[in-house]
Amino acid sequence: MAEVEFSLRRMPEQSLKGTLSGSATSIGSTSALANPASVLQLENQAIDGAVEELKAAAIEASVAICTRLGSSLGEASRDD
C-alpha cells in the first residue's frame, strides 16, 4: 500500500489550510515476494496509483475553488 499527502499552508504563519491525499494498493502473488524486481514493480504501481488519486483530488478541489471564486467575483461585480 502507498499513501501520498499534499498540504496547503498559509505563509508566513504556517497555518494549515487544507490537505489532499491519495492511496492505492498493488496486488501480486506470494511468489512475487521472492523476486526483488517484482516487489519493486508492485511498490511502484502502488505509488503511481496513489499519486494518480491525489492528482484527481487536486483537480476536483481546484474546480471547486475556481467555481467558488467565480461566484464570489460575480457577486462583487454586481455590487458595483
C-alpha atoms as a PDB file:
ATOM      1  CA  MET A   1       0.000   0.000   0.000  1.00  0.00           C
ATOM      2  CA  ALA A   2       1.167   3.510  -0.783  1.00  0.00           C
ATOM      3  CA  GLU A   3      -0.136   6.798   0.581  1.00  0.00           C
ATOM      4  CA  VAL A   4       0.717  10.329  -0.516  1.00  0.00           C
ATOM      5  CA  GLU A   5      -0.359  13.624   1.048  1.00  0.00           C
ATOM      6  CA  PHE A   6      -0.142  17.227  -0.089  1.00  0.00           C
ATOM      7  CA  SER A   7      -0.533  20.035   2.459  1.00  0.00           C
ATOM      8  CA  LEU A   8      -1.584  23.616   1.780  1.00  0.00           C
ATOM      9  CA  ARG A   9      -0.240  26.159   4.260  1.00  0.00           C
ATOM     10  CA  ARG A  10      -0.699  29.896   4.582  1.00  0.00           C
ATOM     11  CA  MET A  11       2.592  31.776   4.810  1.00  0.00           C
ATOM     12  CA  PRO A  12       4.253  33.153   6.906  1.00  0.00           C
ATOM     13  CA  GLU A  13       2.267  31.829   9.880  1.00  0.00           C
ATOM     14  CA  GLN A  14       2.395  28.248   8.535  1.00  0.00           C
ATOM     15  CA  SER A  15      -1.285  27.655   9.314  1.00  0.00           C
ATOM     16  CA  LEU A  16      -2.666  24.530   7.700  1.00  0.00           C
ATOM     17  CA  LYS A  17      -5.342  25.415   5.154  1.00  0.00           C
ATOM     18  CA  GLY A  18      -6.012  22.020   3.638  1.00  0.00           C
ATOM     19  CA  THR A  19      -4.695  18.627   2.687  1.00  0.00           C
ATOM     20  CA  LEU A  20      -5.176  16.313  -0.246  1.00  0.00           C
ATOM     21  CA  SER A  21      -4.334  12.648  -0.058  1.00  0.00           C
ATOM     22  CA  GLY A  22      -4.305   9.569  -2.196  1.00  0.00           C
ATOM     23  CA  SER A  23      -3.725   5.907  -1.537  1.00  0.00           C
ATOM     24  CA  ALA A  24      -3.511   2.733  -3.538  1.00  0.00           C
ATOM     25  CA  THR A  25      -2.753  -0.936  -3.100  1.00  0.00           C
ATOM     26  CA  SER A  26      -0.950  -3.199  -5.514  1.00  0.00           C
ATOM     27  CA  ILE A  27      -1.789  -6.888  -5.563  1.00  0.00           C
ATOM     28  CA  GLY A  28       0.585  -9.668  -6.544  1.00  0.00           C
ATOM     29  CA  SER A  29       1.162 -13.333  -5.844  1.00  0.00           C
ATOM     30  CA  THR A  30       3.104 -14.516  -2.808  1.00  0.00           C
ATOM     31  CA  SER A  31       5.758 -15.890  -5.165  1.00  0.00           C
ATOM     32  CA  ALA A  32       6.385 -12.320  -6.344  1.00  0.00           C
ATOM     33  CA  LEU A  33       7.724 -11.517  -2.861  1.00  0.00           C
ATOM     34  CA  ALA A  34      10.722 -13.748  -3.517  1.00  0.00           C
ATOM     35  CA  ASN A  35      11.756 -11.638  -6.509  1.00  0.00           C
ATOM     36  CA  PRO A  36      13.102  -8.157  -5.597  1.00  0.00           C
ATOM     37  CA  ALA A  37      12.317  -6.840  -9.093  1.00  0.00           C
ATOM     38  CA  SER A  38       8.682  -7.949  -8.754  1.00  0.00           C
ATOM     39  CA  VAL A  39       8.427  -6.344  -5.316  1.00  0.00           C
ATOM     40  CA  LEU A  40       9.828  -3.093  -6.701  1.00  0.00           C
ATOM     41  CA  GLN A  41       7.342  -3.179  -9.583  1.00  0.00           C
ATOM     42  CA  LEU A  42       4.439  -3.722  -7.170  1.00  0.00           C
ATOM     43  CA  GLU A  43       5.666  -0.872  -4.966  1.00  0.00           C
ATOM     44  CA  ASN A  44       5.955   1.448  -7.960  1.00  0.00           C
ATOM     45  CA  GLN A  45       2.452   0.516  -9.142  1.00  0.00           C
ATOM     46  CA  ALA A  46       1.036   1.348  -5.715  1.00  0.00           C
ATOM     47  CA  ILE A  47       2.879   4.678  -5.600  1.00  0.00           C
ATOM     48  CA  ASP A  48       1.742   5.561  -9.135  1.00  0.00           C
ATOM     49  CA  GLY A  49      -1.854   4.745  -8.201  1.00  0.00           C
ATOM     50  CA  ALA A  50      -1.689   6.864  -5.049  1.00  0.00           C
ATOM     51  CA  VAL A  51      -0.260   9.815  -6.983  1.00  0.00           C
ATOM     52  CA  GLU A  52      -2.974   9.496  -9.651  1.00  0.00           C
ATOM     53  CA  GLU A  53      -5.647   9.509  -6.939  1.00  0.00           C
ATOM     54  CA  LEU A  54      -4.100  12.614  -5.372  1.00  0.00           C
ATOM     55  CA  LYS A  55      -3.972  14.349  -8.774  1.00  0.00           C
ATOM     56  CA  ALA A  56      -7.662  13.607  -9.334  1.00  0.00           C
ATOM     57  CA  ALA A  57      -8.489  15.044  -5.901  1.00  0.00           C
ATOM     58  CA  ALA A  58      -6.396  18.146  -6.679  1.00  0.00           C
ATOM     59  CA  ILE A  59      -8.264  18.734  -9.942  1.00  0.00           C
ATOM     60  CA  GLU A  60     -11.608  18.322  -8.203  1.00  0.00           C
ATOM     61  CA  ALA A  61     -10.582  20.733  -5.436  1.00  0.00           C
ATOM     62  CA  SER A  62      -9.262  23.266  -7.962  1.00  0.00           C
ATOM     63  CA  VAL A  63     -12.546  23.225  -9.880  1.00  0.00           C
ATOM     64  CA  ALA A  64     -14.487  23.728  -6.635  1.00  0.00           C
ATOM     65  CA  ILE A  65     -12.256  26.640  -5.607  1.00  0.00           C
ATOM     66  CA  CYS A  66     -12.498  28.298  -9.040  1.00  0.00           C
ATOM     67  CA  THR A  67     -16.269  27.862  -9.022  1.00  0.00           C
ATOM     68  CA  ARG A  68     -16.494  29.415  -5.576  1.00  0.00           C
ATOM     69  CA  LEU A  69     -14.163  32.268  -6.545  1.00  0.00           C
ATOM     70  CA  GLY A  70     -16.084  32.835  -9.746  1.00  0.00           C
ATOM     71  CA  SER A  71     -19.327  33.068  -7.802  1.00  0.00           C
ATOM     72  CA  SER A  72     -17.739  35.482  -5.325  1.00  0.00           C
ATOM     73  CA  LEU A  73     -16.314  37.639  -8.097  1.00  0.00           C
ATOM     74  CA  GLY A  74     -19.656  37.681  -9.878  1.00  0.00           C
ATOM     75  CA  GLU A  75     -21.412  38.818  -6.713  1.00  0.00           C
ATOM     76  CA  ALA A  76     -18.784  41.523  -6.127  1.00  0.00           C
ATOM     77  CA  SER A  77     -19.181  42.898  -9.649  1.00  0.00           C
ATOM     78  CA  ARG A  78     -22.977  43.064  -9.232  1.00  0.00           C
ATOM     79  CA  ASP A  79     -22.488  45.120  -6.072  1.00  0.00           C
ATOM     80  CA  ASP A  80     -20.553  47.802  -8.009  1.00  0.00           C
END
